[in-house]
Amino acid sequence: MHFDPDCRSCPRLAGFLAGIREAYPAYHARPVAPFGDPDARLLIVGLAPGMHGANATGRPFTGDYAGILLYETLYRFGFSNQSAATGRDDGLTLDGCRITNAVKCLPPQNKPVGSEVTECNRYLRAELADLDDGAAVLALGLVAHRAVIRALGLKMTDYPFAHCRKHRLDRKRWLIDSYHCSRYNTQTRRLTEEMFHNVFREIEKLLAA
């Protein structure tokens, strides 16, 4: 099943978003659609929309701190036409890349529960099925990594998460892991700019093979 902008399958998330819409009438506060090139060779999978980022703007990683490093890096490596993302009307386009989330709705405290990740997995499964042979998937963080493995029907134990680790998938496709580009990870230097760029250097090699 592909993205449903009216999905209300998770009662906790649907109720939470209803409250957000009342408190912030100008916010998107609904499921956030994938963004980017429909013929992408790189699919980036994040965790979930951020409260004042994608949940506000309606576009993944747009308008919050987590998007700063991501969009700067996409521009540096030729996947976008500009280095910053501020809103859906900012003129940003992606080339060869699409961005989505393991969970399409903002969860309380940015922490989806397992049943919500599982419920939303059907959308990710459809997105992965659309990828051509030889494509790469970048999982930002452990939750995204596990969501990809689940969506492909693979064994978690066969695909351990580690930063910059590459996993061979079906149809000559690859999964590569990275720590999430969150404010916490970048400010504590668990993830540095150079570490993130190294992930994209590996992606370049995979896509060029």
Protein backbone atom coordinates (compact mmCIF):
# COMPACT_ATOMS: atom_id res chain seq x y z
CA MET A 1 0.00 0.00 0.00
CA HIS A 2 1.36 3.41 -0.96
CA PHE A 3 1.18 6.54 1.19
CA ASP A 4 -2.25 7.50 2.51
CA PRO A 5 -2.50 11.17 3.55
CA ASP A 6 -5.65 10.38 5.53
CA CYS A 7 -4.30 7.35 7.40
CA ARG A 8 -5.66 7.06 10.96
CA SER A 9 -4.61 3.46 11.64
CA CYS A 10 -2.75 4.25 14.88
CA PRO A 11 -5.21 5.64 17.47
CA ARG A 12 -2.49 7.11 19.72
CA LEU A 13 -0.89 9.01 16.82
CA ALA A 14 -4.20 10.14 15.32
CA GLY A 15 -5.31 11.52 18.69
CA PHE A 16 -1.99 13.21 19.29
CA LEU A 17 -2.08 14.92 15.88
CA ALA A 18 -5.64 16.10 16.49
CA GLY A 19 -4.40 17.89 19.59
CA ILE A 20 -1.46 19.36 17.70
CA ARG A 21 -3.79 20.77 15.02
CA GLU A 22 -5.78 22.54 17.73
CA ALA A 23 -2.67 23.95 19.39
CA TYR A 24 -0.90 24.84 16.13
CA PRO A 25 -3.55 25.54 13.46
CA ALA A 26 -0.93 26.50 10.86
CA TYR A 27 0.94 23.19 11.18
CA HIS A 28 0.57 20.32 8.72
CA ALA A 29 -0.04 17.92 11.66
CA ARG A 30 -1.00 14.95 9.45
CA PRO A 31 0.87 12.02 7.91
CA VAL A 32 3.91 13.33 6.04
CA ALA A 33 4.36 12.11 2.48
CA PRO A 34 7.70 10.97 1.04
CA PHE A 35 9.54 13.71 -0.83
CA GLY A 36 11.81 13.65 -3.86
CA ASP A 37 12.49 11.96 -7.16
CA PRO A 38 9.93 9.22 -7.99
CA ASP A 39 12.67 7.43 -9.94
CA ALA A 40 15.23 7.70 -7.13
CA ARG A 41 18.23 5.40 -6.91
CA LEU A 42 18.71 6.43 -3.27
CA LEU A 43 15.94 6.15 -0.68
CA ILE A 44 16.67 7.80 2.66
CA VAL A 45 14.63 6.48 5.60
CA GLY A 46 14.35 8.55 8.76
CA LEU A 47 12.52 7.87 12.02
CA ALA A 48 9.40 10.08 12.07
CA PRO A 49 8.41 13.72 11.46
CA GLY A 50 9.80 16.23 13.95
CA MET A 51 7.38 18.39 15.93
CA HIS A 52 8.47 21.75 14.54
CA GLY A 53 10.02 20.36 11.36
CA ALA A 54 8.23 17.95 9.04
CA ASN A 55 5.13 17.92 11.24
CA ALA A 56 4.89 21.69 10.77
CA THR A 57 5.93 21.97 7.12
CA GLY A 58 4.57 18.71 5.73
CA ARG A 59 7.90 17.72 4.13
CA PRO A 60 10.51 15.31 5.59
CA PHE A 61 13.41 16.92 7.45
CA THR A 62 12.25 20.40 6.47
CA GLY A 63 12.32 23.28 8.93
CA ASP A 64 14.14 21.65 11.83
CA TYR A 65 17.69 21.06 13.02
CA ALA A 66 17.90 17.47 11.80
CA GLY A 67 17.47 18.62 8.22
CA ILE A 68 20.42 21.02 8.24
CA LEU A 69 23.19 18.44 7.84
CA LEU A 70 21.06 16.19 5.65
CA TYR A 71 20.17 18.79 3.03
CA GLU A 72 23.63 20.37 3.06
CA THR A 73 25.05 16.91 2.36
CA LEU A 74 22.53 16.11 -0.37
CA TYR A 75 23.49 19.35 -2.10
CA ARG A 76 27.21 18.66 -1.72
CA PHE A 77 26.84 15.23 -3.33
CA GLY A 78 24.62 16.37 -6.17
CA PHE A 79 21.26 15.04 -4.98
CA SER A 80 19.56 18.44 -4.59
CA ASN A 81 19.47 21.87 -6.20
CA GLN A 82 20.01 23.83 -2.96
CA SER A 83 21.56 23.31 0.44
CA ALA A 84 18.73 24.38 2.76
CA ALA A 85 15.13 23.31 3.29
CA THR A 86 12.76 25.78 4.97
CA GLY A 87 9.29 24.99 3.62
CA ARG A 88 7.40 23.29 0.82
CA ASP A 89 7.49 26.49 -1.25
CA ASP A 90 11.28 27.01 -1.03
CA GLY A 91 12.02 25.65 -4.52
CA LEU A 92 14.00 22.65 -3.31
CA THR A 93 14.05 19.63 -5.62
CA LEU A 94 15.85 16.30 -5.30
CA ASP A 95 17.56 14.46 -8.15
CA GLY A 96 17.96 10.69 -7.90
CA CYS A 97 16.96 10.72 -4.23
CA ARG A 98 13.77 10.39 -2.19
CA ILE A 99 13.27 10.86 1.55
CA THR A 100 10.71 9.09 3.72
CA ASN A 101 10.21 8.04 7.35
CA ALA A 102 9.68 4.70 9.05
CA VAL A 103 6.65 6.28 10.77
CA LYS A 104 4.76 8.91 8.78
CA CYS A 105 3.09 10.68 11.76
CA LEU A 106 4.61 12.67 14.60
CA PRO A 107 4.75 10.48 17.75
CA PRO A 108 4.70 11.86 21.30
CA GLN A 109 8.25 12.62 22.49
CA ASN A 110 9.36 11.59 18.98
CA LYS A 111 9.18 7.95 20.13
CA PRO A 112 6.86 5.66 18.18
CA VAL A 113 5.91 2.40 19.85
CA GLY A 114 6.57 -0.93 18.17
CA SER A 115 3.00 -1.44 16.99
CA GLU A 116 3.08 1.94 15.22
CA VAL A 117 6.30 1.12 13.40
CA THR A 118 4.76 -2.21 12.38
CA GLU A 119 1.49 -0.63 11.24
CA CYS A 120 3.29 1.95 9.09
CA ASN A 121 5.64 -0.65 7.63
CA ARG A 122 3.30 -1.42 4.74
CA TYR A 123 3.96 2.02 3.28
CA LEU A 124 7.71 1.56 3.50
CA ARG A 125 7.35 -1.90 1.92
CA ALA A 126 5.65 -0.32 -1.09
CA GLU A 127 8.32 2.36 -1.37
CA LEU A 128 11.09 -0.22 -1.32
CA ALA A 129 9.29 -2.30 -3.95
CA ASP A 130 9.34 0.74 -6.25
CA LEU A 131 13.14 0.98 -6.15
CA ASP A 132 14.97 -0.28 -9.22
CA ASP A 133 17.71 -2.89 -9.22
CA GLY A 134 21.02 -1.45 -8.05
CA ALA A 135 19.41 1.16 -5.80
CA ALA A 136 20.67 2.06 -2.33
CA VAL A 137 18.74 2.60 0.90
CA LEU A 138 20.15 4.82 3.66
CA ALA A 139 18.75 4.11 7.11
CA LEU A 140 19.14 6.99 9.57
CA GLY A 141 19.26 5.31 12.96
CA LEU A 142 18.35 1.93 14.39
CA VAL A 143 14.55 2.28 14.15
CA ALA A 144 14.76 3.10 10.44
CA HIS A 145 17.22 0.25 9.91
CA ARG A 146 14.92 -2.27 11.56
CA ALA A 147 11.92 -0.93 9.65
CA VAL A 148 13.72 -1.53 6.34
CA ILE A 149 14.72 -5.06 7.33
CA ARG A 150 11.16 -5.83 8.42
CA ALA A 151 9.68 -4.37 5.22
CA LEU A 152 11.91 -6.62 3.13
CA GLY A 153 11.00 -9.71 5.15
CA LEU A 154 14.60 -10.32 6.24
CA LYS A 155 16.07 -11.57 9.54
CA MET A 156 17.16 -8.84 11.95
CA THR A 157 20.05 -10.95 13.22
CA ASP A 158 21.53 -11.19 9.73
CA TYR A 159 21.71 -7.40 9.35
CA PRO A 160 23.22 -5.77 12.47
CA PHE A 161 23.15 -1.98 12.64
CA ALA A 162 26.42 -0.06 12.72
CA HIS A 163 27.36 3.37 11.44
CA CYS A 164 28.52 3.26 7.80
CA ARG A 165 27.94 -0.50 7.60
CA LYS A 166 26.79 -1.79 4.21
CA HIS A 167 24.39 -4.70 3.73
CA ARG A 168 23.80 -6.47 0.43
CA LEU A 169 20.09 -6.86 -0.27
CA ASP A 170 18.11 -8.43 -3.09
CA ARG A 171 18.17 -7.31 -6.74
CA LYS A 172 21.70 -5.91 -6.38
CA ARG A 173 20.39 -3.33 -3.94
CA TRP A 174 22.22 -2.12 -0.84
CA LEU A 175 21.34 -0.91 2.63
CA ILE A 176 23.78 1.44 4.34
CA ASP A 177 23.40 2.60 7.94
CA SER A 178 24.15 5.92 9.57
CA TYR A 179 23.58 7.45 12.95
CA HIS A 180 20.61 9.80 12.74
CA CYS A 181 21.46 13.42 11.92
CA SER A 182 19.56 14.67 14.98
CA ARG A 183 20.52 17.69 17.04
CA TYR A 184 21.62 15.43 19.90
CA ASN A 185 23.88 13.27 17.74
CA THR A 186 25.52 16.17 15.93
CA GLN A 187 25.98 18.38 18.99
CA THR A 188 27.49 15.53 21.02
CA ARG A 189 29.60 14.66 17.96
CA ARG A 190 28.38 11.11 17.91
CA LEU A 191 27.81 12.02 14.27
CA THR A 192 30.18 14.55 12.72
CA GLU A 193 29.88 16.17 9.31
CA GLU A 194 32.86 14.15 8.09
CA MET A 195 31.31 10.88 9.32
CA PHE A 196 28.10 11.70 7.47
CA HIS A 197 29.98 12.66 4.32
CA ASN A 198 31.85 9.35 4.48
CA VAL A 199 28.48 7.55 4.36
CA PHE A 200 27.63 9.41 1.17
CA ARG A 201 31.03 8.62 -0.32
CA GLU A 202 30.18 4.96 0.18
CA ILE A 203 26.76 5.53 -1.40
CA GLU A 204 28.46 7.10 -4.43
CA LYS A 205 30.58 3.97 -4.84
CA LEU A 206 27.58 1.66 -4.53
CA LEU A 207 25.54 3.59 -7.09
CA ALA A 208 28.48 3.77 -9.50
CA ALA A 209 29.15 0.02 -9.40
